[in-house]
Amino acid sequence: MSKHLVIVGLGLIGGSLAKALHGFEDYEIVGVDVSQPTLRYALENGIVDQAWDDPVPALREGDLVFLCLHPRGIVEFMEQHRDHFKPGAMVTDVCGVKGAILEGAKVLPDTVSFVGGHPMAGTEFSGIQHALVNMFQGAHYILTPNQQSSPEHVALMERLARHIGCADVVKTTPEQHDAIIAYTSQMMHIIAVSVCDDPSLFQYQGFEGDSFRGCTRVAALDVSLWTQLFSMNAHALGAALEQLEENLRSYRQCIQSGDLNTLAQKLAFSSARKRKMTRLEEERGAVGRDGIKKRLNGETAP
């Protein structure tokens, strides 16, 4: 008899997981979503084996449950359905904040094992129509196991991460996760939207290069999702932005003062650090989809 892997929320990440998890051990993929067009698309395109708009019957049969909703939606879902999970089931999430999610998971009964998770992958798009089977290729998969996490379920998540193409699994605490993600992800989105706030943005058309496109790619974000992510990690993100402001101020001052020696030293320092970071990423294989594509095309990292 096959086991049931339930994905609650068939958006970009939930849909990509459903695509990538086909053939994983002995699991049948069950999708849950409130949108009938989404469920119909998922079934017609073979993304899921079953589709439900009511989560209760799916949860009762779910051996492994992925919560792929917005952050507050995940917390509310666990509260509302705490008694509907199958005894012995493993529940995990894909949320970009972990402290609030782990706190919310405390409502789950002792019969359920919860493992906090965050695959470090995504695009600027939303919706199942943009789901990618290779979304997680070359990505980090972060886990935040705690006393609610059984060792066998942590091991299951490690096997699952390998199956969907992740480069590695990184285990950490919710607090450390949120502090680091504030820097590596959330701050990057703030930079992107800040650049797009320039009053003269549309006068710059015809002058965009790859650096501008790369910097601003994620500015076309899901407003509701990122409002929640920013606000639910306000302390750590605020600290990261304060450091960024100091760094920008330092560059501005040496540029405006004409201090070329200091400017060159700062640029050399930053450039060397980025090149070292790139080498370390290559060694771990955590280069993301674009990095793998470049490697296959014979391109080398700087």
C-alpha atoms as a PDB file:
ATOM      1  CA  MET A   1       0.000   0.000   0.000  1.00  0.00           C
ATOM      2  CA  SER A   2       1.342   3.411  -0.936  1.00  0.00           C
ATOM      3  CA  LYS A   3       1.845   6.162   1.598  1.00  0.00           C
ATOM      4  CA  HIS A   4       0.310   9.601   1.174  1.00  0.00           C
ATOM      5  CA  LEU A   5       2.336  12.791   0.853  1.00  0.00           C
ATOM      6  CA  VAL A   6      -0.043  15.731   1.290  1.00  0.00           C
ATOM      7  CA  ILE A   7       0.870  19.194   0.011  1.00  0.00           C
ATOM      8  CA  VAL A   8      -1.358  21.917   1.441  1.00  0.00           C
ATOM      9  CA  GLY A   9      -1.144  24.928  -0.850  1.00  0.00           C
ATOM     10  CA  LEU A  10      -0.379  24.316  -4.524  1.00  0.00           C
ATOM     11  CA  GLY A  11       1.303  27.604  -5.349  1.00  0.00           C
ATOM     12  CA  LEU A  12       4.794  28.069  -6.783  1.00  0.00           C
ATOM     13  CA  ILE A  13       6.638  26.123  -4.079  1.00  0.00           C
ATOM     14  CA  GLY A  14       3.898  23.593  -3.326  1.00  0.00           C
ATOM     15  CA  GLY A  15       3.436  22.892  -7.021  1.00  0.00           C
ATOM     16  CA  SER A  16       7.191  22.594  -7.584  1.00  0.00           C
ATOM     17  CA  LEU A  17       7.463  20.155  -4.670  1.00  0.00           C
ATOM     18  CA  ALA A  18       4.639  18.072  -6.107  1.00  0.00           C
ATOM     19  CA  LYS A  19       6.436  17.907  -9.450  1.00  0.00           C
ATOM     20  CA  ALA A  20       9.832  17.128  -7.923  1.00  0.00           C
ATOM     21  CA  LEU A  21       8.569  14.500  -5.485  1.00  0.00           C
ATOM     22  CA  HIS A  22       7.104  12.123  -8.041  1.00  0.00           C
ATOM     23  CA  GLY A  23       8.813   8.774  -7.572  1.00  0.00           C
ATOM     24  CA  PHE A  24       9.969   9.519  -4.040  1.00  0.00           C
ATOM     25  CA  GLU A  25       9.927   6.231  -2.160  1.00  0.00           C
ATOM     26  CA  ASP A  26       6.366   4.876  -2.035  1.00  0.00           C
ATOM     27  CA  TYR A  27       4.386   8.101  -1.737  1.00  0.00           C
ATOM     28  CA  GLU A  28       1.246   9.100  -3.603  1.00  0.00           C
ATOM     29  CA  ILE A  29       1.075  12.871  -4.079  1.00  0.00           C
ATOM     30  CA  VAL A  30      -2.086  14.493  -2.716  1.00  0.00           C
ATOM     31  CA  GLY A  31      -2.720  18.186  -3.330  1.00  0.00           C
ATOM     32  CA  VAL A  32      -4.935  20.416  -1.180  1.00  0.00           C
ATOM     33  CA  ASP A  33      -5.988  23.910  -2.220  1.00  0.00           C
ATOM     34  CA  VAL A  34      -8.998  26.211  -1.933  1.00  0.00           C
ATOM     35  CA  SER A  35      -8.798  27.111  -5.635  1.00  0.00           C
ATOM     36  CA  GLN A  36     -10.728  24.830  -7.966  1.00  0.00           C
ATOM     37  CA  PRO A  37      -8.820  26.059 -11.071  1.00  0.00           C
ATOM     38  CA  THR A  38      -5.541  25.249  -9.282  1.00  0.00           C
ATOM     39  CA  LEU A  39      -6.715  21.744  -8.353  1.00  0.00           C
ATOM     40  CA  ARG A  40      -7.983  21.145 -11.880  1.00  0.00           C
ATOM     41  CA  TYR A  41      -4.672  22.329 -13.381  1.00  0.00           C
ATOM     42  CA  ALA A  42      -2.724  20.078 -11.009  1.00  0.00           C
ATOM     43  CA  LEU A  43      -4.769  17.006 -11.947  1.00  0.00           C
ATOM     44  CA  GLU A  44      -4.917  17.667 -15.679  1.00  0.00           C
ATOM     45  CA  ASN A  45      -1.139  18.143 -15.849  1.00  0.00           C
ATOM     46  CA  GLY A  46      -0.304  15.121 -13.686  1.00  0.00           C
ATOM     47  CA  ILE A  47       1.235  17.238 -10.935  1.00  0.00           C
ATOM     48  CA  VAL A  48      -0.720  15.421  -8.212  1.00  0.00           C
ATOM     49  CA  ASP A  49      -2.340  11.995  -7.978  1.00  0.00           C
ATOM     50  CA  GLN A  50      -5.269  13.264  -5.918  1.00  0.00           C
ATOM     51  CA  ALA A  51      -6.725  16.723  -5.321  1.00  0.00           C
ATOM     52  CA  TRP A  52      -8.902  17.967  -2.467  1.00  0.00           C
ATOM     53  CA  ASP A  53     -10.471  21.284  -1.591  1.00  0.00           C
ATOM     54  CA  ASP A  54     -11.278  19.969   1.902  1.00  0.00           C
ATOM     55  CA  PRO A  55      -8.065  19.272   3.869  1.00  0.00           C
ATOM     56  CA  VAL A  56      -9.670  17.058   6.528  1.00  0.00           C
ATOM     57  CA  PRO A  57      -9.929  13.777   4.553  1.00  0.00           C
ATOM     58  CA  ALA A  58      -6.470  14.356   3.080  1.00  0.00           C
ATOM     59  CA  LEU A  59      -4.909  14.953   6.508  1.00  0.00           C
ATOM     60  CA  ARG A  60      -6.497  11.824   7.944  1.00  0.00           C
ATOM     61  CA  GLU A  61      -4.574   9.769   5.381  1.00  0.00           C
ATOM     62  CA  GLY A  62      -1.444  11.931   5.242  1.00  0.00           C
ATOM     63  CA  ASP A  63       1.774  10.232   6.316  1.00  0.00           C
ATOM     64  CA  LEU A  64       3.877  13.259   5.355  1.00  0.00           C
ATOM     65  CA  VAL A  65       2.282  16.709   5.222  1.00  0.00           C
ATOM     66  CA  PHE A  66       3.852  19.812   3.667  1.00  0.00           C
ATOM     67  CA  LEU A  67       2.337  23.147   4.673  1.00  0.00           C
ATOM     68  CA  CYS A  68       2.997  25.486   1.743  1.00  0.00           C
ATOM     69  CA  LEU A  69       0.850  28.440   2.731  1.00  0.00           C
ATOM     70  CA  HIS A  70       1.766  31.993   3.673  1.00  0.00           C
ATOM     71  CA  PRO A  71       3.312  32.241   7.168  1.00  0.00           C
ATOM     72  CA  ARG A  72       0.225  33.308   9.078  1.00  0.00           C
ATOM     73  CA  GLY A  73      -1.820  30.846   7.054  1.00  0.00           C
ATOM     74  CA  ILE A  74       0.431  28.016   8.250  1.00  0.00           C
ATOM     75  CA  VAL A  75       0.007  29.010  11.893  1.00  0.00           C
ATOM     76  CA  GLU A  76      -3.771  29.300  11.500  1.00  0.00           C
ATOM     77  CA  PHE A  77      -3.965  25.986   9.623  1.00  0.00           C
ATOM     78  CA  MET A  78      -2.166  24.105  12.395  1.00  0.00           C
ATOM     79  CA  GLU A  79      -4.475  25.637  14.987  1.00  0.00           C
ATOM     80  CA  GLN A  80      -7.612  24.853  13.002  1.00  0.00           C
ATOM     81  CA  HIS A  81      -6.639  21.304  12.015  1.00  0.00           C
ATOM     82  CA  ARG A  82      -4.576  20.187  15.008  1.00  0.00           C
ATOM     83  CA  ASP A  83      -6.907  17.228  15.601  1.00  0.00           C
ATOM     84  CA  HIS A  84      -7.170  16.151  11.966  1.00  0.00           C
ATOM     85  CA  PHE A  85      -3.598  14.936  11.386  1.00  0.00           C
ATOM     86  CA  LYS A  86      -3.040  11.203  11.149  1.00  0.00           C
ATOM     87  CA  PRO A  87      -1.354   9.780  14.287  1.00  0.00           C
ATOM     88  CA  GLY A  88       2.302   9.149  13.519  1.00  0.00           C
ATOM     89  CA  ALA A  89       2.350  11.655  10.671  1.00  0.00           C
ATOM     90  CA  MET A  90       5.223  13.975   9.995  1.00  0.00           C
ATOM     91  CA  VAL A  91       4.359  17.628   9.378  1.00  0.00           C
ATOM     92  CA  THR A  92       6.749  20.148   7.860  1.00  0.00           C
ATOM     93  CA  ASP A  93       6.610  23.599   6.301  1.00  0.00           C
ATOM     94  CA  VAL A  94       8.511  25.582   3.679  1.00  0.00           C
ATOM     95  CA  CYS A  95       8.282  29.007   5.302  1.00  0.00           C
ATOM     96  CA  GLY A  96      11.011  31.664   5.198  1.00  0.00           C
ATOM     97  CA  VAL A  97      10.604  32.445   8.898  1.00  0.00           C
ATOM     98  CA  LYS A  98      11.021  29.739  11.488  1.00  0.00           C
ATOM     99  CA  GLY A  99      10.599  31.236  14.957  1.00  0.00           C
ATOM    100  CA  ALA A 100       6.911  32.064  14.497  1.00  0.00           C
ATOM    101  CA  ILE A 101       6.208  28.757  12.758  1.00  0.00           C
ATOM    102  CA  LEU A 102       7.876  26.626  15.455  1.00  0.00           C
ATOM    103  CA  GLU A 103       5.943  28.560  18.089  1.00  0.00           C
ATOM    104  CA  GLY A 104       2.710  27.899  16.205  1.00  0.00           C
ATOM    105  CA  ALA A 105       3.523  24.200  15.864  1.00  0.00           C
ATOM    106  CA  LYS A 106       3.280  23.801  19.630  1.00  0.00           C
ATOM    107  CA  VAL A 107      -0.493  23.340  19.221  1.00  0.00           C
ATOM    108  CA  LEU A 108       0.043  20.037  17.410  1.00  0.00           C
ATOM    109  CA  PRO A 109      -0.646  16.862  19.408  1.00  0.00           C
ATOM    110  CA  ASP A 110       2.153  14.622  20.671  1.00  0.00           C
ATOM    111  CA  THR A 111       1.100  12.000  18.112  1.00  0.00           C
ATOM    112  CA  VAL A 112       2.462  14.211  15.327  1.00  0.00           C
ATOM    113  CA  SER A 113       6.127  14.944  14.562  1.00  0.00           C
ATOM    114  CA  PHE A 114       6.949  18.434  13.290  1.00  0.00           C
ATOM    115  CA  VAL A 115      10.160  19.313  11.442  1.00  0.00           C
ATOM    116  CA  GLY A 116      10.610  22.954  10.469  1.00  0.00           C
ATOM    117  CA  GLY A 117      11.917  23.310   6.936  1.00  0.00           C
ATOM    118  CA  HIS A 118      12.904  25.932   4.379  1.00  0.00           C
ATOM    119  CA  PRO A 119      14.107  25.020   0.879  1.00  0.00           C
ATOM    120  CA  MET A 120      16.176  27.961  -0.326  1.00  0.00           C
ATOM    121  CA  ALA A 121      14.648  28.277  -3.773  1.00  0.00           C
ATOM    122  CA  GLY A 122      12.018  30.279  -5.597  1.00  0.00           C
ATOM    123  CA  THR A 123      11.351  32.733  -8.390  1.00  0.00           C
ATOM    124  CA  GLU A 124       9.697  36.125  -8.682  1.00  0.00           C
ATOM    125  CA  PHE A 125       6.521  34.447  -9.973  1.00  0.00           C
ATOM    126  CA  SER A 126       3.610  32.883  -8.109  1.00  0.00           C
ATOM    127  CA  GLY A 127       1.049  30.198  -8.866  1.00  0.00           C
ATOM    128  CA  ILE A 128       1.190  26.555  -9.868  1.00  0.00           C
ATOM    129  CA  GLN A 129       1.467  27.457 -13.562  1.00  0.00           C
ATOM    130  CA  HIS A 130       5.009  28.666 -12.799  1.00  0.00           C
ATOM    131  CA  ALA A 131       6.009  25.565 -10.809  1.00  0.00           C
ATOM    132  CA  LEU A 132       9.300  23.959 -11.878  1.00  0.00           C
ATOM    133  CA  VAL A 133      10.352  20.347 -11.498  1.00  0.00           C
ATOM    134  CA  ASN A 134      13.964  21.518 -11.070  1.00  0.00           C
ATOM    135  CA  MET A 135      13.146  24.355  -8.656  1.00  0.00           C
ATOM    136  CA  PHE A 136      15.351  22.901  -5.906  1.00  0.00           C
ATOM    137  CA  GLN A 137      18.331  21.810  -7.992  1.00  0.00           C
ATOM    138  CA  GLY A 138      21.571  22.903  -6.334  1.00  0.00           C
ATOM    139  CA  ALA A 139      19.746  24.603  -3.426  1.00  0.00           C
ATOM    140  CA  HIS A 140      20.229  24.427   0.321  1.00  0.00           C
ATOM    141  CA  TYR A 141      17.458  22.767   2.329  1.00  0.00           C
ATOM    142  CA  ILE A 142      17.372  24.185   5.844  1.00  0.00           C
ATOM    143  CA  LEU A 143      15.891  22.153   8.709  1.00  0.00           C
ATOM    144  CA  THR A 144      15.178  23.359  12.237  1.00  0.00           C
ATOM    145  CA  PRO A 145      14.461  20.151  14.186  1.00  0.00           C
ATOM    146  CA  ASN A 146      13.553  20.347  17.860  1.00  0.00           C
ATOM    147  CA  GLN A 147      11.918  18.209  20.550  1.00  0.00           C
ATOM    148  CA  GLN A 148       8.833  17.834  18.318  1.00  0.00           C
ATOM    149  CA  SER A 149      10.939  16.180  15.603  1.00  0.00           C
ATOM    150  CA  SER A 150      11.518  12.435  15.599  1.00  0.00           C
ATOM    151  CA  PRO A 151      14.969  11.305  14.356  1.00  0.00           C
ATOM    152  CA  GLU A 152      13.438   9.048  11.706  1.00  0.00           C
ATOM    153  CA  HIS A 153      11.481  11.974  10.293  1.00  0.00           C
ATOM    154  CA  VAL A 154      14.566  14.189  10.185  1.00  0.00           C
ATOM    155  CA  ALA A 155      16.281  11.389   8.253  1.00  0.00           C
ATOM    156  CA  LEU A 156      13.242  11.206   5.953  1.00  0.00           C
ATOM    157  CA  MET A 157      13.577  14.916   5.197  1.00  0.00           C
ATOM    158  CA  GLU A 158      17.250  14.448   4.369  1.00  0.00           C
ATOM    159  CA  ARG A 159      16.378  11.722   1.846  1.00  0.00           C
ATOM    160  CA  LEU A 160      13.610  13.881   0.425  1.00  0.00           C
ATOM    161  CA  ALA A 161      15.958  16.846  -0.030  1.00  0.00           C
ATOM    162  CA  ARG A 162      18.363  14.660  -1.991  1.00  0.00           C
ATOM    163  CA  HIS A 163      15.521  13.376  -4.162  1.00  0.00           C
ATOM    164  CA  ILE A 164      14.401  16.847  -5.233  1.00  0.00           C
ATOM    165  CA  GLY A 165      17.970  17.818  -6.130  1.00  0.00           C
ATOM    166  CA  CYS A 166      19.149  19.898  -3.185  1.00  0.00           C
ATOM    167  CA  ALA A 167      22.898  20.284  -2.804  1.00  0.00           C
ATOM    168  CA  ASP A 168      22.851  19.817   0.949  1.00  0.00           C
ATOM    169  CA  VAL A 169      20.820  19.904   4.147  1.00  0.00           C
ATOM    170  CA  VAL A 170      21.691  22.541   6.744  1.00  0.00           C
ATOM    171  CA  LYS A 171      20.423  22.080  10.310  1.00  0.00           C
ATOM    172  CA  THR A 172      20.138  25.060  12.604  1.00  0.00           C
ATOM    173  CA  THR A 173      17.972  26.691  15.260  1.00  0.00           C
ATOM    174  CA  PRO A 174      14.933  28.832  14.428  1.00  0.00           C
ATOM    175  CA  GLU A 175      16.680  31.878  15.892  1.00  0.00           C
ATOM    176  CA  GLN A 176      19.829  31.433  13.827  1.00  0.00           C
ATOM    177  CA  HIS A 177      17.783  30.697  10.713  1.00  0.00           C
ATOM    178  CA  ASP A 178      15.795  33.910  11.037  1.00  0.00           C
ATOM    179  CA  ALA A 179      18.891  36.016  11.692  1.00  0.00           C
ATOM    180  CA  ILE A 180      20.748  34.617   8.679  1.00  0.00           C
ATOM    181  CA  ILE A 181      17.774  34.646   6.302  1.00  0.00           C
ATOM    182  CA  ALA A 182      17.209  38.294   7.170  1.00  0.00           C
ATOM    183  CA  TYR A 183      20.601  38.903   5.538  1.00  0.00           C
ATOM    184  CA  THR A 184      20.736  36.363   2.694  1.00  0.00           C
ATOM    185  CA  SER A 185      17.143  36.617   1.476  1.00  0.00           C
ATOM    186  CA  GLN A 186      14.942  39.270   3.015  1.00  0.00           C
ATOM    187  CA  MET A 187      17.495  42.067   2.757  1.00  0.00           C
ATOM    188  CA  MET A 188      18.059  41.206  -0.923  1.00  0.00           C
ATOM    189  CA  HIS A 189      14.347  41.727  -1.555  1.00  0.00           C
ATOM    190  CA  ILE A 190      14.437  45.053   0.289  1.00  0.00           C
ATOM    191  CA  ILE A 191      17.360  46.155  -1.908  1.00  0.00           C
ATOM    192  CA  ALA A 192      15.455  45.163  -5.047  1.00  0.00           C
ATOM    193  CA  VAL A 193      12.266  47.031  -4.163  1.00  0.00           C
ATOM    194  CA  SER A 194      14.265  50.041  -2.965  1.00  0.00           C
ATOM    195  CA  VAL A 195      16.018  50.310  -6.333  1.00  0.00           C
ATOM    196  CA  CYS A 196      12.616  50.168  -8.043  1.00  0.00           C
ATOM    197  CA  ASP A 197      11.369  53.017  -5.805  1.00  0.00           C
ATOM    198  CA  ASP A 198      13.593  55.501  -7.650  1.00  0.00           C
ATOM    199  CA  PRO A 199      11.317  58.267  -9.029  1.00  0.00           C
ATOM    200  CA  SER A 200      13.128  58.167 -12.370  1.00  0.00           C
ATOM    201  CA  LEU A 201      12.886  54.386 -12.817  1.00  0.00           C
ATOM    202  CA  PHE A 202      11.022  54.435 -16.125  1.00  0.00           C
ATOM    203  CA  GLN A 203      13.341  57.054 -17.595  1.00  0.00           C
ATOM    204  CA  TYR A 204      16.138  54.504 -17.329  1.00  0.00           C
ATOM    205  CA  GLN A 205      14.574  52.140 -19.871  1.00  0.00           C
ATOM    206  CA  GLY A 206      16.995  51.364 -22.668  1.00  0.00           C
ATOM    207  CA  PHE A 207      19.948  51.542 -20.292  1.00  0.00           C
ATOM    208  CA  GLU A 208      19.349  48.340 -18.291  1.00  0.00           C
ATOM    209  CA  GLY A 209      22.091  45.736 -18.162  1.00  0.00           C
ATOM    210  CA  ASP A 210      22.284  42.273 -16.632  1.00  0.00           C
ATOM    211  CA  SER A 211      23.432  43.688 -13.290  1.00  0.00           C
ATOM    212  CA  PHE A 212      20.287  45.835 -13.052  1.00  0.00           C
ATOM    213  CA  ARG A 213      18.044  42.958 -14.127  1.00  0.00           C
ATOM    214  CA  GLY A 214      19.678  40.612 -11.631  1.00  0.00           C
ATOM    215  CA  CYS A 215      19.477  43.098  -8.776  1.00  0.00           C
ATOM    216  CA  THR A 216      15.806  43.918  -9.334  1.00  0.00           C
ATOM    217  CA  ARG A 217      14.501  40.498 -10.428  1.00  0.00           C
ATOM    218  CA  VAL A 218      12.861  39.686  -7.102  1.00  0.00           C
ATOM    219  CA  ALA A 219      11.199  43.103  -6.791  1.00  0.00           C
ATOM    220  CA  ALA A 220       8.191  41.680  -8.661  1.00  0.00           C
ATOM    221  CA  LEU A 221       7.277  39.854  -5.473  1.00  0.00           C
ATOM    222  CA  ASP A 222       4.134  38.453  -3.871  1.00  0.00           C
ATOM    223  CA  VAL A 223       3.138  41.465  -1.742  1.00  0.00           C
ATOM    224  CA  SER A 224       1.056  39.575   0.816  1.00  0.00           C
ATOM    225  CA  LEU A 225       3.720  36.909   1.344  1.00  0.00           C
ATOM    226  CA  TRP A 226       6.643  39.284   1.746  1.00  0.00           C
ATOM    227  CA  THR A 227       4.709  41.687   3.960  1.00  0.00           C
ATOM    228  CA  GLN A 228       4.245  38.766   6.350  1.00  0.00           C
ATOM    229  CA  LEU A 229       7.842  37.561   6.050  1.00  0.00           C
ATOM    230  CA  PHE A 230       9.288  41.011   6.716  1.00  0.00           C
ATOM    231  CA  SER A 231       6.969  41.816   9.611  1.00  0.00           C
ATOM    232  CA  MET A 232       7.341  38.398  11.285  1.00  0.00           C
ATOM    233  CA  ASN A 233      11.136  38.763  11.268  1.00  0.00           C
ATOM    234  CA  ALA A 234      11.256  42.487  12.010  1.00  0.00           C
ATOM    235  CA  HIS A 235      13.995  42.413  14.673  1.00  0.00           C
ATOM    236  CA  ALA A 236      16.545  40.429  12.669  1.00  0.00           C
ATOM    237  CA  LEU A 237      15.736  42.198   9.397  1.00  0.00           C
ATOM    238  CA  GLY A 238      15.990  45.606  11.051  1.00  0.00           C
ATOM    239  CA  ALA A 239      19.478  44.750  12.336  1.00  0.00           C
ATOM    240  CA  ALA A 240      20.589  43.560   8.890  1.00  0.00           C
ATOM    241  CA  LEU A 241      19.310  46.759   7.275  1.00  0.00           C
ATOM    242  CA  GLU A 242      21.139  48.923   9.810  1.00  0.00           C
ATOM    243  CA  GLN A 243      24.412  47.220   8.858  1.00  0.00           C
ATOM    244  CA  LEU A 244      23.625  47.673   5.168  1.00  0.00           C
ATOM    245  CA  GLU A 245      22.952  51.366   5.733  1.00  0.00           C
ATOM    246  CA  GLU A 246      26.376  51.717   7.382  1.00  0.00           C
ATOM    247  CA  ASN A 247      28.084  49.938   4.484  1.00  0.00           C
ATOM    248  CA  LEU A 248      26.328  52.112   1.896  1.00  0.00           C
ATOM    249  CA  ARG A 249      27.166  55.260   3.839  1.00  0.00           C
ATOM    250  CA  SER A 250      30.831  54.285   3.923  1.00  0.00           C
ATOM    251  CA  TYR A 251      30.932  53.819   0.143  1.00  0.00           C
ATOM    252  CA  ARG A 252      29.064  57.071  -0.461  1.00  0.00           C
ATOM    253  CA  GLN A 253      31.436  59.047   1.743  1.00  0.00           C
ATOM    254  CA  CYS A 254      34.629  57.862   0.088  1.00  0.00           C
ATOM    255  CA  ILE A 255      33.128  58.368  -3.395  1.00  0.00           C
ATOM    256  CA  GLN A 256      31.902  61.875  -2.640  1.00  0.00           C
ATOM    257  CA  SER A 257      35.155  62.847  -0.941  1.00  0.00           C
ATOM    258  CA  GLY A 258      37.254  61.603  -3.842  1.00  0.00           C
ATOM    259  CA  ASP A 259      39.208  59.238  -1.583  1.00  0.00           C
ATOM    260  CA  LEU A 260      40.244  56.853  -4.362  1.00  0.00           C
ATOM    261  CA  ASN A 261      42.695  54.872  -2.226  1.00  0.00           C
ATOM    262  CA  THR A 262      40.018  53.996   0.335  1.00  0.00           C
ATOM    263  CA  LEU A 263      37.526  53.246  -2.428  1.00  0.00           C
ATOM    264  CA  ALA A 264      39.946  50.891  -4.181  1.00  0.00           C
ATOM    265  CA  GLN A 265      40.778  49.154  -0.894  1.00  0.00           C
ATOM    266  CA  LYS A 266      37.089  48.666  -0.095  1.00  0.00           C
ATOM    267  CA  LEU A 267      36.333  47.335  -3.576  1.00  0.00           C
ATOM    268  CA  ALA A 268      39.280  44.934  -3.441  1.00  0.00           C
ATOM    269  CA  PHE A 269      38.197  43.700  -0.009  1.00  0.00           C
ATOM    270  CA  SER A 270      34.587  43.106  -1.090  1.00  0.00           C
ATOM    271  CA  SER A 271      35.561  41.544  -4.412  1.00  0.00           C
ATOM    272  CA  ALA A 272      37.903  39.057  -2.733  1.00  0.00           C
ATOM    273  CA  ARG A 273      35.204  38.083  -0.243  1.00  0.00           C
ATOM    274  CA  LYS A 274      32.672  37.461  -3.023  1.00  0.00           C
ATOM    275  CA  ARG A 275      35.138  35.344  -4.991  1.00  0.00           C
ATOM    276  CA  LYS A 276      35.854  33.284  -1.870  1.00  0.00           C
ATOM    277  CA  MET A 277      32.130  32.856  -1.261  1.00  0.00           C
ATOM    278  CA  THR A 278      31.652  31.671  -4.832  1.00  0.00           C
ATOM    279  CA  ARG A 279      34.451  29.095  -4.470  1.00  0.00           C
ATOM    280  CA  LEU A 280      32.908  27.783  -1.238  1.00  0.00           C
ATOM    281  CA  GLU A 281      29.511  27.494  -2.947  1.00  0.00           C
ATOM    282  CA  GLU A 282      31.083  25.552  -5.808  1.00  0.00           C
ATOM    283  CA  GLU A 283      32.764  23.177  -3.367  1.00  0.00           C
ATOM    284  CA  ARG A 284      29.443  22.420  -1.670  1.00  0.00           C
ATOM    285  CA  GLY A 285      27.567  22.219  -4.955  1.00  0.00           C
ATOM    286  CA  ALA A 286      25.021  24.733  -3.642  1.00  0.00           C
ATOM    287  CA  VAL A 287      24.941  26.945  -6.718  1.00  0.00           C
ATOM    288  CA  GLY A 288      21.221  26.902  -7.525  1.00  0.00           C
ATOM    289  CA  ARG A 289      19.545  26.215 -10.851  1.00  0.00           C
ATOM    290  CA  ASP A 290      21.386  29.002 -12.684  1.00  0.00           C
ATOM    291  CA  GLY A 291      24.753  27.825 -11.376  1.00  0.00           C
ATOM    292  CA  ILE A 292      24.103  24.268 -12.503  1.00  0.00           C
ATOM    293  CA  LYS A 293      23.018  25.552 -15.915  1.00  0.00           C
ATOM    294  CA  LYS A 294      26.251  27.527 -16.271  1.00  0.00           C
ATOM    295  CA  ARG A 295      28.298  24.511 -15.207  1.00  0.00           C
ATOM    296  CA  LEU A 296      26.596  22.347 -17.835  1.00  0.00           C
ATOM    297  CA  ASN A 297      27.342  25.034 -20.437  1.00  0.00           C
ATOM    298  CA  GLY A 298      31.006  24.993 -19.483  1.00  0.00           C
ATOM    299  CA  GLU A 299      30.989  28.415 -17.860  1.00  0.00           C
ATOM    300  CA  THR A 300      33.211  28.980 -14.816  1.00  0.00           C
ATOM    301  CA  ALA A 301      32.590  31.051 -11.729  1.00  0.00           C
ATOM    302  CA  PRO A 302      34.611  34.250 -11.261  1.00  0.00           C
END
